[in-house]
C-alpha atoms as a PDB file:
ATOM      1  CA  UNK A   1    -180.621 -13.070 -46.164  1.00  0.00           C
ATOM      2  CA  UNK A   2    -177.498 -12.723 -44.072  1.00  0.00           C
ATOM      3  CA  UNK A   3    -175.018 -12.242 -46.897  1.00  0.00           C
ATOM      4  CA  UNK A   4    -171.651 -10.829 -45.881  1.00  0.00           C
ATOM      5  CA  UNK A   5    -169.160  -9.249 -48.295  1.00  0.00           C
ATOM      6  CA  UNK A   6    -166.195 -11.608 -48.704  1.00  0.00           C
ATOM      7  CA  UNK A   7    -164.238  -9.634 -51.247  1.00  0.00           C
ATOM      8  CA  UNK A   8    -164.662  -6.818 -53.706  1.00  0.00           C
ATOM      9  CA  UNK A   9    -162.303  -6.350 -56.621  1.00  0.00           C
ATOM     10  CA  UNK A  10    -162.120  -5.018 -60.135  1.00  0.00           C
ATOM     11  CA  UNK A  11    -160.784  -7.158 -62.950  1.00  0.00           C
ATOM     12  CA  UNK A  12    -160.103  -5.794 -66.412  1.00  0.00           C
ATOM     13  CA  UNK A  13    -159.812  -8.674 -68.888  1.00  0.00           C
ATOM     14  CA  UNK A  14    -158.661  -8.894 -72.474  1.00  0.00           C
ATOM     15  CA  UNK A  15    -158.956 -12.212 -74.273  1.00  0.00           C
ATOM     16  CA  UNK A  16    -157.390 -13.831 -77.257  1.00  0.00           C
ATOM     17  CA  UNK A  17    -156.623 -17.306 -78.524  1.00  0.00           C
ATOM     18  CA  UNK A  18    -153.520 -19.445 -78.802  1.00  0.00           C
ATOM     19  CA  UNK A  19    -153.861 -22.215 -81.313  1.00  0.00           C
ATOM     20  CA  UNK A  20    -157.297 -23.602 -81.942  1.00  0.00           C
ATOM     21  CA  UNK A  21    -158.416 -24.445 -78.425  1.00  0.00           C
ATOM     22  CA  UNK A  22    -156.692 -22.291 -75.797  1.00  0.00           C
ATOM     23  CA  UNK A  23    -158.177 -18.991 -74.652  1.00  0.00           C
ATOM     24  CA  UNK A  24    -155.601 -16.523 -73.304  1.00  0.00           C
ATOM     25  CA  UNK A  25    -156.942 -14.102 -70.707  1.00  0.00           C
ATOM     26  CA  UNK A  26    -154.825 -11.104 -69.707  1.00  0.00           C
ATOM     27  CA  UNK A  27    -156.179  -9.622 -66.494  1.00  0.00           C
ATOM     28  CA  UNK A  28    -155.334  -6.400 -64.694  1.00  0.00           C
ATOM     29  CA  UNK A  29    -156.462  -6.483 -61.069  1.00  0.00           C
ATOM     30  CA  UNK A  30    -155.727  -3.188 -59.309  1.00  0.00           C
ATOM     31  CA  UNK A  31    -153.760  -2.997 -57.060  1.00  0.00           C
ATOM     32  CA  UNK A  32    -152.456  -6.577 -57.444  1.00  0.00           C
ATOM     33  CA  UNK A  33    -151.074  -6.201 -60.967  1.00  0.00           C
ATOM     34  CA  UNK A  34    -151.259  -8.173 -64.191  1.00  0.00           C
ATOM     35  CA  UNK A  35    -151.998 -11.859 -64.658  1.00  0.00           C
ATOM     36  CA  UNK A  36    -152.294 -14.313 -67.525  1.00  0.00           C
ATOM     37  CA  UNK A  37    -154.771 -17.182 -67.445  1.00  0.00           C
ATOM     38  CA  UNK A  38    -154.993 -19.932 -70.016  1.00  0.00           C
ATOM     39  CA  UNK A  39    -158.311 -21.716 -70.339  1.00  0.00           C
ATOM     40  CA  UNK A  40    -159.307 -24.727 -72.365  1.00  0.00           C
ATOM     41  CA  UNK A  41    -162.766 -26.251 -72.603  1.00  0.00           C
ATOM     42  CA  UNK A  42    -162.562 -30.038 -72.458  1.00  0.00           C
ATOM     43  CA  UNK A  43    -164.967 -32.954 -72.342  1.00  0.00           C
ATOM     44  CA  UNK A  44    -165.645 -34.451 -68.904  1.00  0.00           C
ATOM     45  CA  UNK A  45    -163.505 -37.494 -69.691  1.00  0.00           C
ATOM     46  CA  UNK A  46    -160.434 -35.502 -70.825  1.00  0.00           C
ATOM     47  CA  UNK A  47    -157.054 -36.473 -69.380  1.00  0.00           C
ATOM     48  CA  UNK A  48    -156.480 -33.602 -66.952  1.00  0.00           C
ATOM     49  CA  UNK A  49    -152.744 -34.203 -66.767  1.00  0.00           C
ATOM     50  CA  UNK A  50    -152.416 -34.036 -70.550  1.00  0.00           C
ATOM     51  CA  UNK A  51    -154.490 -30.850 -70.703  1.00  0.00           C
ATOM     52  CA  UNK A  52    -152.375 -29.236 -67.980  1.00  0.00           C
ATOM     53  CA  UNK A  53    -149.182 -30.273 -69.787  1.00  0.00           C
ATOM     54  CA  UNK A  54    -150.457 -28.616 -72.964  1.00  0.00           C
ATOM     55  CA  UNK A  55    -151.341 -25.420 -71.124  1.00  0.00           C
ATOM     56  CA  UNK A  56    -147.908 -25.254 -69.494  1.00  0.00           C
ATOM     57  CA  UNK A  57    -146.292 -25.826 -72.892  1.00  0.00           C
ATOM     58  CA  UNK A  58    -148.197 -22.778 -74.170  1.00  0.00           C
ATOM     59  CA  UNK A  59    -146.956 -20.750 -71.179  1.00  0.00           C
ATOM     60  CA  UNK A  60    -143.407 -21.850 -72.015  1.00  0.00           C
ATOM     61  CA  UNK A  61    -143.831 -20.436 -75.531  1.00  0.00           C
ATOM     62  CA  UNK A  62    -144.969 -17.161 -73.946  1.00  0.00           C
ATOM     63  CA  UNK A  63    -141.819 -17.133 -71.776  1.00  0.00           C
ATOM     64  CA  UNK A  64    -143.648 -17.717 -68.488  1.00  0.00           C
ATOM     65  CA  UNK A  65    -141.829 -20.055 -66.108  1.00  0.00           C
ATOM     66  CA  UNK A  66    -143.555 -22.871 -64.225  1.00  0.00           C
ATOM     67  CA  UNK A  67    -142.331 -21.330 -60.972  1.00  0.00           C
ATOM     68  CA  UNK A  68    -144.359 -18.176 -61.686  1.00  0.00           C
ATOM     69  CA  UNK A  69    -147.629 -20.115 -61.501  1.00  0.00           C
ATOM     70  CA  UNK A  70    -150.204 -18.767 -59.046  1.00  0.00           C
ATOM     71  CA  UNK A  71    -152.522 -21.158 -57.278  1.00  0.00           C
ATOM     72  CA  UNK A  72    -154.541 -18.619 -55.294  1.00  0.00           C
ATOM     73  CA  UNK A  73    -157.614 -16.915 -56.697  1.00  0.00           C
ATOM     74  CA  UNK A  74    -157.888 -13.157 -57.018  1.00  0.00           C
ATOM     75  CA  UNK A  75    -160.090 -13.004 -53.933  1.00  0.00           C
ATOM     76  CA  UNK A  76    -157.428 -14.727 -51.815  1.00  0.00           C
ATOM     77  CA  UNK A  77    -154.665 -12.545 -53.244  1.00  0.00           C
ATOM     78  CA  UNK A  78    -156.700  -9.407 -52.520  1.00  0.00           C
ATOM     79  CA  UNK A  79    -157.430 -10.509 -48.951  1.00  0.00           C
ATOM     80  CA  UNK A  80    -153.681 -11.177 -48.425  1.00  0.00           C
ATOM     81  CA  UNK A  81    -152.883  -7.731 -49.878  1.00  0.00           C
ATOM     82  CA  UNK A  82    -155.427  -6.011 -47.623  1.00  0.00           C
ATOM     83  CA  UNK A  83    -154.187  -7.873 -44.548  1.00  0.00           C
ATOM     84  CA  UNK A  84    -150.612  -6.753 -45.261  1.00  0.00           C
ATOM     85  CA  UNK A  85    -151.820  -3.168 -45.809  1.00  0.00           C
ATOM     86  CA  UNK A  86    -153.534  -3.195 -42.407  1.00  0.00           C
ATOM     87  CA  UNK A  87    -150.314  -4.389 -40.714  1.00  0.00           C
ATOM     88  CA  UNK A  88    -148.474  -1.232 -41.791  1.00  0.00           C
END
């Protein structure tokens, strides 16, 4: 079929809940380290800005600064890591 491997990684996830509607995911992605993801299921017409504000408020309670936010996916982070490893 012509498929080509883009990335291969292992993610170990533990989940819990914060409040009634936020799922907290704690991921360990060797060799990248640990990550926290907050997820909230919302209706299609939800105010995305308000949802994001609520999620960041929950991160504040957990002591995680806005500046620590990651915008890349694990696959991108792993590819960056591997590229840096090859440079050495």
